[in-house]
Amino acid sequence: MTEVDDLSFLAGKLVCSPQEAMRAVNCRNTKFYELLNDGEIESYMDGSRRQVVVASLVGYVQKRIDAARKEREAA
């Protein structure tokens, strides 16, 4: 199992750190903050710490899967 395949670090969490979120969706810093700024992934500040909503990560991945499925069906 690769590091990306092992998502046990998110088990039972409602929020996670940006680093954990980047690991979960397998993207780098610049792309991740683009997704945050575009509203694709939800987060909030808890004092000085950014917290990423895990459900929004799942929603983002599901949107990507749905878009890929539509592209395949259209082809």
C-alpha atoms as a PDB file:
ATOM      1  CA  MET A   1       0.000   0.000   0.000  1.00  0.00           C
ATOM      2  CA  THR A   2       1.394   3.419  -0.929  1.00  0.00           C
ATOM      3  CA  GLU A   3       1.210   6.512   1.235  1.00  0.00           C
ATOM      4  CA  VAL A   4      -1.645   7.910  -0.868  1.00  0.00           C
ATOM      5  CA  ASP A   5      -3.588   4.653  -0.637  1.00  0.00           C
ATOM      6  CA  ASP A   6      -3.466   4.665   3.181  1.00  0.00           C
ATOM      7  CA  LEU A   7      -6.073   7.223   4.216  1.00  0.00           C
ATOM      8  CA  SER A   8      -6.453   5.864   7.747  1.00  0.00           C
ATOM      9  CA  PHE A   9      -5.137   9.180   9.076  1.00  0.00           C
ATOM     10  CA  LEU A  10      -8.526  10.705   8.101  1.00  0.00           C
ATOM     11  CA  ALA A  11     -10.662   8.014   9.741  1.00  0.00           C
ATOM     12  CA  GLY A  12     -13.287   9.556  11.978  1.00  0.00           C
ATOM     13  CA  LYS A  13     -12.114  13.128  11.438  1.00  0.00           C
ATOM     14  CA  LEU A  14     -14.421  15.989  10.491  1.00  0.00           C
ATOM     15  CA  VAL A  15     -11.532  18.342   9.745  1.00  0.00           C
ATOM     16  CA  CYS A  16      -7.862  17.948   8.942  1.00  0.00           C
ATOM     17  CA  SER A  17      -4.801  20.064   8.313  1.00  0.00           C
ATOM     18  CA  PRO A  18      -3.986  21.359   4.820  1.00  0.00           C
ATOM     19  CA  GLN A  19      -1.024  18.962   4.713  1.00  0.00           C
ATOM     20  CA  GLU A  20      -3.279  15.980   5.441  1.00  0.00           C
ATOM     21  CA  ALA A  21      -5.788  17.217   2.851  1.00  0.00           C
ATOM     22  CA  MET A  22      -3.098  17.583   0.185  1.00  0.00           C
ATOM     23  CA  ARG A  23      -1.950  14.057   0.943  1.00  0.00           C
ATOM     24  CA  ALA A  24      -5.531  12.743   0.743  1.00  0.00           C
ATOM     25  CA  VAL A  25      -6.285  14.260  -2.681  1.00  0.00           C
ATOM     26  CA  ASN A  26      -2.715  13.811  -3.919  1.00  0.00           C
ATOM     27  CA  CYS A  27      -2.014  17.385  -4.963  1.00  0.00           C
ATOM     28  CA  ARG A  28       0.669  19.915  -4.280  1.00  0.00           C
ATOM     29  CA  ASN A  29       0.530  23.184  -2.399  1.00  0.00           C
ATOM     30  CA  THR A  30      -0.247  25.544  -5.309  1.00  0.00           C
ATOM     31  CA  LYS A  31      -3.077  23.408  -6.725  1.00  0.00           C
ATOM     32  CA  PHE A  32      -4.518  22.816  -3.271  1.00  0.00           C
ATOM     33  CA  TYR A  33      -4.743  26.526  -2.460  1.00  0.00           C
ATOM     34  CA  GLU A  34      -6.280  27.157  -5.901  1.00  0.00           C
ATOM     35  CA  LEU A  35      -8.988  24.646  -4.976  1.00  0.00           C
ATOM     36  CA  LEU A  36      -9.530  26.438  -1.653  1.00  0.00           C
ATOM     37  CA  ASN A  37      -9.698  29.858  -3.294  1.00  0.00           C
ATOM     38  CA  ASP A  38     -12.120  28.572  -5.943  1.00  0.00           C
ATOM     39  CA  GLY A  39     -14.392  27.124  -3.258  1.00  0.00           C
ATOM     40  CA  GLU A  40     -13.903  23.545  -4.458  1.00  0.00           C
ATOM     41  CA  ILE A  41     -12.681  22.567  -0.984  1.00  0.00           C
ATOM     42  CA  GLU A  42     -13.999  24.143   2.212  1.00  0.00           C
ATOM     43  CA  SER A  43     -11.876  25.331   5.099  1.00  0.00           C
ATOM     44  CA  TYR A  44     -11.912  27.750   7.987  1.00  0.00           C
ATOM     45  CA  MET A  45      -9.433  29.346  10.341  1.00  0.00           C
ATOM     46  CA  ASP A  46      -9.331  28.130  13.935  1.00  0.00           C
ATOM     47  CA  GLY A  47      -7.156  30.781  15.511  1.00  0.00           C
ATOM     48  CA  SER A  48      -4.029  30.724  13.385  1.00  0.00           C
ATOM     49  CA  ARG A  49      -4.603  27.181  12.082  1.00  0.00           C
ATOM     50  CA  ARG A  50      -6.448  26.373   8.872  1.00  0.00           C
ATOM     51  CA  GLN A  51      -8.835  23.437   9.159  1.00  0.00           C
ATOM     52  CA  VAL A  52     -10.050  21.653   6.019  1.00  0.00           C
ATOM     53  CA  VAL A  53     -13.494  20.033   6.030  1.00  0.00           C
ATOM     54  CA  VAL A  54     -13.023  16.334   5.227  1.00  0.00           C
ATOM     55  CA  ALA A  55     -16.509  16.048   3.674  1.00  0.00           C
ATOM     56  CA  SER A  56     -15.524  18.707   1.140  1.00  0.00           C
ATOM     57  CA  LEU A  57     -12.520  16.590   0.126  1.00  0.00           C
ATOM     58  CA  VAL A  58     -14.846  13.655  -0.489  1.00  0.00           C
ATOM     59  CA  GLY A  59     -17.185  15.937  -2.448  1.00  0.00           C
ATOM     60  CA  TYR A  60     -14.332  17.240  -4.583  1.00  0.00           C
ATOM     61  CA  VAL A  61     -13.163  13.732  -5.463  1.00  0.00           C
ATOM     62  CA  GLN A  62     -16.737  12.661  -6.250  1.00  0.00           C
ATOM     63  CA  LYS A  63     -17.140  15.655  -8.600  1.00  0.00           C
ATOM     64  CA  ARG A  64     -13.938  14.673 -10.395  1.00  0.00           C
ATOM     65  CA  ILE A  65     -15.152  11.083 -10.748  1.00  0.00           C
ATOM     66  CA  ASP A  66     -18.539  12.225 -12.084  1.00  0.00           C
ATOM     67  CA  ALA A  67     -16.890  14.572 -14.596  1.00  0.00           C
ATOM     68  CA  ALA A  68     -14.608  11.798 -15.848  1.00  0.00           C
ATOM     69  CA  ARG A  69     -17.568   9.456 -16.187  1.00  0.00           C
ATOM     70  CA  LYS A  70     -19.496  12.027 -18.253  1.00  0.00           C
ATOM     71  CA  GLU A  71     -16.489  12.546 -20.513  1.00  0.00           C
ATOM     72  CA  ARG A  72     -16.220   8.800 -21.131  1.00  0.00           C
ATOM     73  CA  GLU A  73     -19.933   8.523 -21.875  1.00  0.00           C
ATOM     74  CA  ALA A  74     -19.788  11.461 -24.302  1.00  0.00           C
ATOM     75  CA  ALA A  75     -16.886   9.920 -26.221  1.00  0.00           C
END
